[in-house]
N, C-alpha and C. Protein backbone atom coordinates (compact mmCIF):
# COMPACT_ATOMS: atom_id res chain seq x y z
N MET A 1 -12.47 0.95 42.86
CA MET A 1 -12.75 2.32 41.83
C MET A 1 -13.95 3.13 42.24
N THR A 2 -13.31 4.46 42.85
CA THR A 2 -13.77 5.51 43.85
C THR A 2 -13.46 6.26 42.75
N VAL A 3 -14.49 7.08 42.03
CA VAL A 3 -14.88 7.96 41.31
C VAL A 3 -16.44 9.64 41.84
N THR A 4 -15.51 10.21 41.83
CA THR A 4 -16.83 11.82 42.37
C THR A 4 -16.42 12.60 41.00
N ILE A 5 -17.91 13.02 40.27
CA ILE A 5 -18.01 14.38 40.32
C ILE A 5 -18.57 14.84 40.86
N LEU A 6 -17.75 16.49 40.75
CA LEU A 6 -17.21 17.80 41.41
C LEU A 6 -18.58 19.11 40.05
N ARG A 7 -19.27 19.32 40.70
CA ARG A 7 -20.00 20.25 39.24
C ARG A 7 -19.35 21.82 40.47
N ALA A 8 -19.14 22.30 38.68
CA ALA A 8 -19.02 23.76 38.89
C ALA A 8 -20.34 24.79 40.47
N ALA A 9 -21.47 24.66 40.01
CA ALA A 9 -22.28 25.16 40.35
C ALA A 9 -21.84 25.19 42.07
N ASP A 10 -22.00 24.24 42.51
CA ASP A 10 -21.51 22.93 44.01
C ASP A 10 -21.19 24.11 44.32
N ARG A 11 -19.99 25.37 44.04
CA ARG A 11 -18.56 25.40 44.31
C ARG A 11 -19.05 27.01 44.83
N THR A 12 -18.81 27.49 46.13
CA THR A 12 -19.00 28.69 46.91
C THR A 12 -17.42 29.45 46.80
N PRO A 13 -17.15 30.60 46.08
CA PRO A 13 -16.00 31.66 45.81
C PRO A 13 -15.66 32.06 47.66
N VAL A 14 -14.76 31.78 48.28
CA VAL A 14 -13.96 32.22 49.06
C VAL A 14 -12.95 33.08 49.17
N PRO A 15 -12.37 33.97 50.52
CA PRO A 15 -11.93 34.51 50.55
C PRO A 15 -10.57 33.66 50.35
N TRP A 16 -9.00 34.66 49.23
CA TRP A 16 -7.59 33.47 49.38
C TRP A 16 -7.61 33.56 50.76
N LYS A 17 -6.06 32.91 50.98
CA LYS A 17 -5.25 32.92 52.28
C LYS A 17 -4.98 33.88 52.77
N ASN A 18 -4.86 35.02 51.71
CA ASN A 18 -4.17 36.29 52.01
C ASN A 18 -4.81 37.58 52.62
N GLY A 19 -6.18 37.32 51.47
CA GLY A 19 -7.33 38.10 51.53
C GLY A 19 -7.88 38.86 50.54
N GLY A 20 -6.32 38.44 48.90
CA GLY A 20 -6.50 39.36 48.24
C GLY A 20 -7.23 38.75 47.19
N GLY A 21 -8.29 37.81 47.08
CA GLY A 21 -9.37 37.87 45.76
C GLY A 21 -9.73 36.89 46.16
N THR A 22 -10.37 36.00 45.57
CA THR A 22 -11.53 34.80 45.81
C THR A 22 -11.27 33.44 44.67
N VAL A 23 -11.42 32.61 45.41
CA VAL A 23 -11.15 31.22 45.16
C VAL A 23 -12.02 29.97 45.10
N ARG A 24 -12.30 29.32 43.69
CA ARG A 24 -13.52 28.14 44.01
C ARG A 24 -12.86 27.35 44.14
N GLU A 25 -12.74 26.24 45.28
CA GLU A 25 -11.89 24.87 45.38
C GLU A 25 -12.67 23.70 44.61
N ILE A 26 -12.04 23.06 43.60
CA ILE A 26 -12.41 21.78 42.81
C ILE A 26 -12.13 20.74 44.33
N GLU A 27 -10.68 20.61 44.64
CA GLU A 27 -11.29 19.15 45.27
C GLU A 27 -9.98 19.54 46.10
N ALA A 28 -9.88 18.76 47.63
CA ALA A 28 -8.53 18.75 47.63
C ALA A 28 -8.40 17.59 48.50
N GLY A 29 -6.57 17.05 48.26
CA GLY A 29 -6.65 15.28 49.48
C GLY A 29 -5.47 15.70 50.25
N PRO A 30 -5.94 15.40 51.44
CA PRO A 30 -7.19 13.76 51.47
C PRO A 30 -8.43 14.73 51.43
N GLU A 31 -9.66 14.11 51.43
CA GLU A 31 -10.79 14.94 51.27
C GLU A 31 -11.24 16.34 52.53
N GLY A 32 -11.82 17.39 52.68
CA GLY A 32 -11.90 17.62 53.37
C GLY A 32 -10.60 19.03 54.21
N ALA A 33 -9.72 18.78 53.80
CA ALA A 33 -7.89 18.94 54.41
C ALA A 33 -8.18 20.49 54.00
N GLY A 34 -7.83 21.30 55.04
CA GLY A 34 -7.82 22.94 54.73
C GLY A 34 -6.91 23.11 54.58
N THR A 35 -6.25 24.59 54.43
CA THR A 35 -5.29 25.32 53.48
C THR A 35 -4.40 25.09 53.95
N ASP A 36 -3.68 24.74 55.37
CA ASP A 36 -2.40 24.40 55.79
C ASP A 36 -2.93 22.31 55.66
N ALA A 37 -3.55 21.41 55.81
CA ALA A 37 -3.20 19.86 55.15
C ALA A 37 -3.17 19.44 54.81
N PHE A 38 -3.76 19.97 53.38
CA PHE A 38 -3.79 19.66 52.17
C PHE A 38 -2.67 18.39 51.61
N ASP A 39 -2.76 17.87 51.18
CA ASP A 39 -1.34 16.79 50.29
C ASP A 39 -1.83 17.88 48.78
N TRP A 40 -2.65 17.67 48.69
CA TRP A 40 -2.90 18.40 46.95
C TRP A 40 -3.92 19.07 46.68
N ARG A 41 -4.09 20.35 46.07
CA ARG A 41 -5.06 20.94 46.26
C ARG A 41 -5.44 21.58 44.67
N VAL A 42 -6.72 21.35 44.34
CA VAL A 42 -6.74 22.49 42.78
C VAL A 42 -7.93 23.32 43.18
N SER A 43 -7.87 25.11 42.36
CA SER A 43 -8.96 25.23 42.43
C SER A 43 -8.99 26.28 41.21
N LEU A 44 -9.94 27.21 41.06
CA LEU A 44 -10.06 27.80 40.23
C LEU A 44 -10.46 29.26 41.13
N ALA A 45 -8.59 30.58 40.43
CA ALA A 45 -8.88 31.62 41.07
C ALA A 45 -9.15 32.91 40.62
N ASP A 46 -10.42 33.46 41.17
CA ASP A 46 -10.44 34.74 40.24
C ASP A 46 -9.44 36.24 40.34
N VAL A 47 -8.44 36.55 39.37
CA VAL A 47 -7.72 37.59 40.27
C VAL A 47 -7.89 38.88 39.30
N THR A 48 -8.41 40.14 39.81
CA THR A 48 -9.24 41.30 39.64
C THR A 48 -7.92 42.39 39.90
N ALA A 49 -6.96 42.24 40.20
CA ALA A 49 -5.78 43.01 40.91
C ALA A 49 -4.69 42.42 40.82
N ASP A 50 -3.81 43.17 40.39
CA ASP A 50 -2.23 43.24 40.86
C ASP A 50 -2.48 42.66 42.19
N GLY A 51 -0.90 41.67 42.16
CA GLY A 51 -0.73 42.28 43.96
C GLY A 51 -0.02 40.81 44.65
N PRO A 52 0.26 40.46 45.47
CA PRO A 52 0.67 39.41 45.91
C PRO A 52 0.12 37.65 46.13
N PHE A 53 0.41 36.69 46.14
CA PHE A 53 0.15 35.28 46.70
C PHE A 53 0.50 35.08 47.34
N SER A 54 -0.75 34.29 47.41
CA SER A 54 -0.26 33.28 49.52
C SER A 54 0.91 32.79 49.11
N ALA A 55 1.74 32.87 50.66
CA ALA A 55 2.55 31.91 50.43
C ALA A 55 2.40 30.64 51.10
N PHE A 56 2.80 29.23 50.86
CA PHE A 56 2.54 28.05 50.88
C PHE A 56 3.53 26.98 51.16
N PRO A 57 3.92 27.10 52.29
CA PRO A 57 5.71 26.22 53.26
C PRO A 57 5.23 24.51 52.10
N GLY A 58 6.68 24.65 51.28
CA GLY A 58 6.60 23.08 51.66
C GLY A 58 5.90 22.99 49.83
N VAL A 59 5.24 23.37 49.49
CA VAL A 59 4.43 23.63 48.34
C VAL A 59 4.43 24.04 47.01
N ASP A 60 4.22 23.15 46.36
CA ASP A 60 4.93 23.26 44.89
C ASP A 60 3.13 23.37 43.86
N ARG A 61 3.23 24.91 42.75
CA ARG A 61 2.42 24.91 42.05
C ARG A 61 2.02 25.17 41.53
N ILE A 62 1.16 24.40 39.97
CA ILE A 62 1.26 25.31 38.88
C ILE A 62 -0.47 25.87 38.12
N LEU A 63 0.51 27.15 37.76
CA LEU A 63 -0.73 28.11 37.75
C LEU A 63 -0.91 27.78 35.29
N THR A 64 -2.64 27.63 35.38
CA THR A 64 -2.82 27.99 34.45
C THR A 64 -4.04 28.47 33.78
N VAL A 65 -3.76 29.55 32.95
CA VAL A 65 -4.27 30.65 32.76
C VAL A 65 -5.37 30.12 31.37
N VAL A 66 -6.98 30.08 32.34
CA VAL A 66 -7.60 29.71 31.43
C VAL A 66 -8.54 30.37 30.70
N GLU A 67 -8.86 31.87 31.72
CA GLU A 67 -9.70 32.96 31.36
C GLU A 67 -8.79 34.41 31.13
N GLY A 68 -9.21 34.59 30.26
CA GLY A 68 -8.04 36.37 30.32
C GLY A 68 -6.74 36.32 29.51
N ALA A 69 -5.81 37.49 29.52
CA ALA A 69 -5.13 37.90 28.68
C ALA A 69 -3.55 37.89 29.81
N GLY A 70 -3.37 36.83 30.96
CA GLY A 70 -2.44 36.53 31.66
C GLY A 70 -1.85 37.64 32.36
N MET A 71 -0.71 37.02 32.84
CA MET A 71 0.07 38.10 34.08
C MET A 71 1.76 37.15 33.67
N ASP A 72 2.40 38.88 33.83
CA ASP A 72 3.75 38.88 34.84
C ASP A 72 3.63 37.83 35.38
N LEU A 73 4.41 36.31 36.70
CA LEU A 73 4.24 36.16 37.52
C LEU A 73 5.75 36.72 38.29
N VAL A 74 6.12 37.01 39.27
CA VAL A 74 7.60 37.28 39.22
C VAL A 74 7.58 36.75 40.72
N VAL A 75 8.34 35.30 40.08
CA VAL A 75 8.72 34.35 41.59
C VAL A 75 10.13 34.93 41.85
N GLY A 76 10.25 35.39 43.07
CA GLY A 76 12.12 35.06 44.47
C GLY A 76 12.35 36.14 43.12
N GLY A 77 11.62 37.13 42.85
CA GLY A 77 12.26 37.79 42.42
C GLY A 77 12.14 38.04 40.38
N GLU A 78 11.96 36.73 39.83
CA GLU A 78 12.36 36.39 39.06
C GLU A 78 11.09 36.55 37.99
N HIS A 79 11.30 37.84 36.90
CA HIS A 79 9.92 37.12 35.64
C HIS A 79 9.69 36.64 35.13
N HIS A 80 8.01 36.16 34.94
CA HIS A 80 7.72 34.86 34.06
C HIS A 80 6.30 35.27 33.48
N ILE A 81 6.57 35.30 31.97
CA ILE A 81 5.37 36.50 31.41
C ILE A 81 4.93 35.05 31.25
N VAL A 82 3.06 34.71 31.78
CA VAL A 82 2.26 33.92 31.73
C VAL A 82 1.68 33.78 31.01
N ASP A 83 1.53 34.35 29.31
CA ASP A 83 0.51 35.10 28.51
C ASP A 83 0.15 34.10 27.26
N GLU A 84 0.76 32.56 27.62
CA GLU A 84 -0.60 31.72 26.25
C GLU A 84 -0.76 31.21 27.14
N PRO A 85 -2.24 30.96 26.78
CA PRO A 85 -3.63 30.52 27.46
C PRO A 85 -3.36 29.22 27.56
N LEU A 86 -3.23 28.11 29.00
CA LEU A 86 -3.75 26.74 28.62
C LEU A 86 -2.13 26.42 28.77
N TRP A 87 -1.34 27.55 29.21
CA TRP A 87 0.07 26.22 29.23
C TRP A 87 0.41 26.33 30.61
N PRO A 88 0.75 25.00 31.05
CA PRO A 88 0.65 24.83 32.65
C PRO A 88 2.09 25.71 32.88
N HIS A 89 2.25 26.31 34.25
CA HIS A 89 3.16 26.88 34.38
C HIS A 89 3.48 26.92 36.10
N GLY A 90 4.86 25.62 36.41
CA GLY A 90 4.82 25.66 37.70
C GLY A 90 6.50 26.13 38.62
N PHE A 91 5.84 27.05 39.56
CA PHE A 91 6.85 27.20 40.49
C PHE A 91 6.98 27.18 42.10
N PRO A 92 7.70 27.86 43.12
CA PRO A 92 7.69 26.67 44.04
C PRO A 92 6.52 28.08 45.01
N GLY A 93 6.42 27.39 45.56
CA GLY A 93 4.93 28.31 46.90
C GLY A 93 4.52 29.18 47.64
N ASP A 94 6.30 28.32 47.80
CA ASP A 94 6.99 28.82 49.24
C ASP A 94 7.70 30.55 48.87
N LEU A 95 8.71 30.43 47.86
CA LEU A 95 8.99 31.72 47.99
C LEU A 95 7.97 33.06 47.23
N PRO A 96 8.48 34.25 47.17
CA PRO A 96 7.41 35.72 47.34
C PRO A 96 6.89 35.04 46.14
N THR A 97 5.71 36.28 45.43
CA THR A 97 5.51 35.67 44.63
C THR A 97 4.03 36.75 44.38
N GLU A 98 4.08 37.64 43.01
CA GLU A 98 3.29 38.45 42.83
C GLU A 98 2.69 38.58 41.47
N GLY A 99 1.32 38.99 41.05
CA GLY A 99 1.63 38.78 39.82
C GLY A 99 1.17 39.94 39.44
N PHE A 100 1.08 39.98 38.51
CA PHE A 100 0.58 41.79 37.30
C PHE A 100 -0.05 41.14 36.14
N LEU A 101 -1.33 41.35 36.08
CA LEU A 101 -2.33 41.70 35.26
C LEU A 101 -1.47 41.78 33.96
N LEU A 102 -1.30 41.32 32.77
CA LEU A 102 -1.28 41.98 31.38
C LEU A 102 -2.81 42.54 30.48
N GLY A 103 -3.55 42.27 31.21
CA GLY A 103 -4.55 42.95 29.82
C GLY A 103 -5.60 42.46 30.12
N GLY A 104 -6.24 42.90 31.59
CA GLY A 104 -7.49 42.45 32.84
C GLY A 104 -7.98 41.33 33.45
N PRO A 105 -9.42 40.91 34.04
CA PRO A 105 -9.06 39.63 34.74
C PRO A 105 -8.40 38.87 34.25
N VAL A 106 -8.55 38.28 34.82
CA VAL A 106 -8.09 36.42 34.41
C VAL A 106 -9.18 35.71 35.92
N VAL A 107 -8.80 34.42 35.41
CA VAL A 107 -9.36 32.61 35.62
C VAL A 107 -7.82 32.37 35.72
N ASN A 108 -6.88 31.42 36.40
CA ASN A 108 -6.14 30.59 36.49
C ASN A 108 -6.91 29.20 37.27
N LEU A 109 -6.36 28.31 36.67
CA LEU A 109 -6.32 26.80 37.36
C LEU A 109 -5.41 26.50 38.32
N ASN A 110 -5.26 26.39 39.71
CA ASN A 110 -3.85 26.73 40.09
C ASN A 110 -4.42 24.87 40.44
N VAL A 111 -3.09 24.19 40.96
CA VAL A 111 -2.83 22.72 41.38
C VAL A 111 -1.22 23.26 41.75
N MET A 112 -1.94 22.66 43.58
CA MET A 112 -1.28 23.21 44.49
C MET A 112 -0.45 21.67 44.97
N TYR A 113 0.24 21.03 45.91
CA TYR A 113 0.76 19.92 46.54
C TYR A 113 2.12 20.07 46.84
N ARG A 114 2.03 19.70 48.43
CA ARG A 114 3.06 18.80 49.18
C ARG A 114 4.31 18.56 48.51
N ARG A 115 5.95 19.10 48.10
CA ARG A 115 6.35 17.92 47.59
C ARG A 115 6.68 17.00 47.74
N ALA A 116 6.97 17.52 49.53
CA ALA A 116 7.20 15.73 50.50
C ALA A 116 6.78 14.64 50.43
N ARG A 117 5.45 15.17 49.68
CA ARG A 117 3.88 13.80 50.10
C ARG A 117 3.66 13.29 48.40
N THR A 118 3.85 14.07 47.86
CA THR A 118 3.24 13.79 46.40
C THR A 118 3.92 14.24 45.39
N ARG A 119 3.60 13.87 44.43
CA ARG A 119 3.82 14.90 42.79
C ARG A 119 2.79 15.12 41.89
N ALA A 120 2.49 16.10 41.39
CA ALA A 120 1.42 16.49 40.45
C ALA A 120 1.60 16.74 39.11
N GLU A 121 1.12 15.98 37.70
CA GLU A 121 1.61 16.78 36.63
C GLU A 121 0.01 16.77 35.54
N THR A 122 0.35 18.10 35.35
CA THR A 122 -0.50 19.27 35.03
C THR A 122 -0.78 18.76 32.81
N ALA A 123 -1.53 18.10 32.57
CA ALA A 123 -1.85 18.40 30.64
C ALA A 123 -2.78 18.97 30.34
N VAL A 124 -3.42 20.04 29.90
CA VAL A 124 -4.11 20.31 28.63
C VAL A 124 -4.57 19.45 27.20
N ILE A 125 -5.85 19.23 27.55
CA ILE A 125 -6.07 17.57 26.78
C ILE A 125 -7.77 18.24 25.36
N CYS A 126 -7.39 18.03 24.11
CA CYS A 126 -8.38 18.00 23.49
C CYS A 126 -8.54 16.90 23.11
N GLY A 127 -9.98 16.24 22.95
CA GLY A 127 -10.20 14.65 22.28
C GLY A 127 -10.69 13.79 23.36
N THR A 128 -9.95 12.88 23.46
CA THR A 128 -10.60 11.55 23.95
C THR A 128 -9.08 10.98 24.87
N VAL A 129 -9.39 10.68 26.07
CA VAL A 129 -8.19 10.15 26.48
C VAL A 129 -8.54 9.83 27.91
N ARG A 130 -8.83 8.30 28.40
CA ARG A 130 -8.38 6.68 29.03
C ARG A 130 -8.93 7.97 30.42
N LEU A 131 -8.91 7.61 31.40
CA LEU A 131 -8.36 8.25 33.24
C LEU A 131 -8.00 6.91 33.02
N LEU A 132 -6.95 7.08 33.40
CA LEU A 132 -5.88 6.07 34.85
C LEU A 132 -5.40 6.47 35.76
N PRO A 133 -5.96 6.23 36.59
CA PRO A 133 -5.26 7.19 38.23
C PRO A 133 -3.71 6.52 38.00
N PRO A 134 -2.77 7.07 39.26
CA PRO A 134 -1.80 6.01 38.86
C PRO A 134 -1.99 4.89 40.17
N GLU A 135 -1.92 3.75 40.67
CA GLU A 135 -1.35 2.94 41.87
C GLU A 135 -1.31 3.64 42.79
N GLY A 136 -2.09 4.45 44.10
CA GLY A 136 -1.91 4.78 45.47
C GLY A 136 -1.96 6.35 44.84
N GLY A 137 -2.43 6.61 43.43
CA GLY A 137 -3.17 8.30 43.18
C GLY A 137 -3.60 8.68 42.80
N ALA A 138 -4.36 9.18 41.91
CA ALA A 138 -5.72 9.86 41.66
C ALA A 138 -5.44 10.83 40.52
N VAL A 139 -6.69 10.90 39.59
CA VAL A 139 -6.79 11.62 38.22
C VAL A 139 -7.63 12.59 38.94
N LEU A 140 -7.53 14.09 38.00
CA LEU A 140 -8.82 14.42 38.06
C LEU A 140 -8.39 15.31 36.91
N ALA A 141 -9.93 15.11 35.79
CA ALA A 141 -10.13 16.30 34.95
C ALA A 141 -11.45 16.63 34.99
N VAL A 142 -10.61 18.47 34.72
CA VAL A 142 -12.03 19.19 34.94
C VAL A 142 -11.42 20.00 33.31
N SER A 143 -13.05 20.18 32.97
CA SER A 143 -13.52 20.72 31.64
C SER A 143 -13.55 21.62 31.74
N LEU A 144 -12.92 22.42 30.57
CA LEU A 144 -12.67 24.31 30.49
C LEU A 144 -14.22 24.80 29.21
N ASP A 145 -14.78 23.61 28.78
CA ASP A 145 -15.59 23.89 28.36
C ASP A 145 -16.96 23.01 28.16
N ASP A 146 -18.36 23.66 27.80
CA ASP A 146 -19.44 22.45 28.13
C ASP A 146 -19.52 21.61 26.99
N GLY A 147 -20.03 20.86 27.67
CA GLY A 147 -20.25 19.53 26.67
C GLY A 147 -19.08 18.15 26.75
N ALA A 148 -18.15 17.86 27.66
CA ALA A 148 -17.46 17.41 27.92
C ALA A 148 -18.35 15.54 28.46
N GLU A 149 -18.25 14.81 28.09
CA GLU A 149 -18.87 13.18 28.80
C GLU A 149 -17.95 12.59 28.81
N LEU A 150 -18.03 12.24 30.62
CA LEU A 150 -17.61 10.49 31.34
C LEU A 150 -18.28 9.08 30.47
N GLU A 151 -17.40 8.70 29.87
CA GLU A 151 -18.12 7.38 28.90
C GLU A 151 -17.38 5.86 30.11
N GLY A 152 -17.75 5.06 30.35
CA GLY A 152 -17.96 3.84 31.11
C GLY A 152 -19.39 3.91 32.35
N GLY A 153 -19.49 2.32 32.14
CA GLY A 153 -20.34 1.66 32.73
C GLY A 153 -21.36 1.34 31.91
N SER A 154 -22.60 2.00 31.89
CA SER A 154 -23.54 1.54 31.09
C SER A 154 -24.19 3.23 30.65
N ASP A 155 -23.80 4.24 31.74
CA ASP A 155 -23.98 5.68 31.33
C ASP A 155 -23.30 6.66 31.33
N GLY A 156 -23.14 7.56 30.38
CA GLY A 156 -22.89 8.45 30.63
C GLY A 156 -22.86 9.63 30.87
N VAL A 157 -21.69 10.74 31.86
CA VAL A 157 -21.47 11.77 32.38
C VAL A 157 -21.54 13.14 31.60
N ARG A 158 -22.62 14.06 31.45
CA ARG A 158 -22.03 14.86 30.97
C ARG A 158 -20.93 16.39 31.78
N LEU A 159 -20.18 16.09 32.07
CA LEU A 159 -19.52 17.68 32.36
C LEU A 159 -19.83 18.94 32.03
N ASP A 160 -20.20 19.67 31.88
CA ASP A 160 -20.39 21.24 31.67
C ASP A 160 -18.79 22.16 32.04
N ARG A 161 -18.64 23.36 31.24
CA ARG A 161 -17.36 24.28 31.93
C ARG A 161 -17.34 24.21 33.45
N TYR A 162 -16.60 23.60 33.62
CA TYR A 162 -15.49 23.78 35.37
C TYR A 162 -15.91 22.45 36.07
N ASP A 163 -16.66 21.42 35.00
CA ASP A 163 -16.89 20.27 35.71
C ASP A 163 -16.13 19.11 35.98
N ALA A 164 -16.21 19.16 36.79
CA ALA A 164 -15.10 18.25 36.91
C ALA A 164 -15.27 16.82 37.56
N VAL A 165 -13.90 15.69 36.93
CA VAL A 165 -14.72 14.24 37.59
C VAL A 165 -13.06 13.69 38.32
N LEU A 166 -13.41 13.06 39.65
CA LEU A 166 -12.16 12.94 40.12
C LEU A 166 -11.91 11.78 40.38
N ALA A 167 -11.03 10.54 40.27
CA ALA A 167 -11.30 8.90 40.23
C ALA A 167 -9.66 8.69 40.63
N ALA A 168 -10.09 7.51 41.58
CA ALA A 168 -8.67 6.54 41.91
C ALA A 168 -9.19 5.08 42.30
N GLY A 169 -8.41 4.47 42.14
CA GLY A 169 -8.40 2.67 42.33
C GLY A 169 -8.27 2.89 40.88
N GLU A 170 -9.48 2.02 39.68
CA GLU A 170 -9.48 1.20 38.51
C GLU A 170 -9.97 2.63 37.96
N SER A 171 -10.25 2.49 36.14
CA SER A 171 -10.09 4.05 35.17
C SER A 171 -12.03 4.26 35.84
N PRO A 172 -11.93 5.26 35.61
CA PRO A 172 -13.81 5.24 35.27
C PRO A 172 -13.69 4.99 34.07
N GLY A 173 -13.05 5.06 33.22
CA GLY A 173 -13.74 5.38 31.38
C GLY A 173 -12.69 6.47 30.82
N VAL A 174 -13.54 6.33 30.35
CA VAL A 174 -12.43 7.50 28.60
C VAL A 174 -13.54 9.07 28.58
N LEU A 175 -12.97 10.28 28.94
CA LEU A 175 -13.43 11.31 28.39
C LEU A 175 -13.13 11.13 27.48
N ARG A 176 -14.47 11.82 27.22
CA ARG A 176 -14.11 13.06 25.18
C ARG A 176 -14.43 14.42 26.00
N THR A 177 -14.11 14.93 24.87
CA THR A 177 -14.24 16.61 25.30
C THR A 177 -14.96 17.38 23.63
N MET A 178 -15.73 17.88 24.27
CA MET A 178 -15.83 18.79 23.13
C MET A 178 -15.07 20.04 22.95
N GLY A 179 -14.26 20.72 23.71
CA GLY A 179 -13.65 21.82 23.81
C GLY A 179 -12.27 20.58 24.19
N GLN A 180 -11.83 21.51 24.82
CA GLN A 180 -10.58 21.33 26.75
C GLN A 180 -10.80 21.02 27.28
N ALA A 181 -9.81 20.41 27.95
CA ALA A 181 -10.27 19.82 29.69
C ALA A 181 -8.41 20.00 29.97
N VAL A 182 -8.36 19.91 31.74
CA VAL A 182 -7.53 19.94 32.36
C VAL A 182 -7.77 18.57 32.86
N LEU A 183 -6.02 18.13 32.96
CA LEU A 183 -5.60 16.82 33.55
C LEU A 183 -4.83 16.11 34.08
N ILE A 184 -4.98 16.48 35.25
CA ILE A 184 -3.55 16.56 36.98
C ILE A 184 -3.85 15.15 37.27
N THR A 185 -2.73 14.64 37.18
CA THR A 185 -2.85 13.10 37.80
C THR A 185 -1.41 13.24 38.79
N PHE A 186 -2.48 13.00 40.13
CA PHE A 186 -1.38 13.42 41.33
C PHE A 186 -1.15 11.36 41.79
N SER A 187 0.53 10.74 42.30
CA SER A 187 1.00 9.91 42.70
C SER A 187 2.66 10.55 44.19
N GLY A 188 2.24 9.57 44.64
CA GLY A 188 2.97 9.78 45.65
C GLY A 188 4.54 10.32 45.97
N GLY A 189 4.80 10.81 46.78
CA GLY A 189 6.60 11.74 46.65
C GLY A 189 6.83 10.96 46.47
């Protein structure tokens, strides 16, 4: 079993691939993979203005608005109103995509994965869930509120807002949220 706690306080904002905003990477697989070499990547994007999204050939994306009113997401010329908070919305990362803010800045939790190598499933949870990584895959849970706790082994680990836990192999235990969390499961393609 491999378990890694990823603290929000340790993340440094960096410019988007296209320079249009900033992103705080939570984790990528394989560890340390750059924007052209990841199998999967999870990040928080700060969107403060309308504009184009970076293109990622061969990559599918799942966007979840975690702060703000939402966006009109135009993917390949088709409008998708993403105005329900905490609702994961999937789209191909290789189609031309633009985002138009509906009511001010937003923070998006962004899951990206190379469709030829891996699959990702994203769910927003509230309450208690056992973290179960699939065989040969991983599970990543991102707390959206202060006070979540990973209970496993002899000690509990507290997770505050935007802290995350990444697990591969056996289950690291039970995640108890005081609010909500995003649960992302990665499995082979």
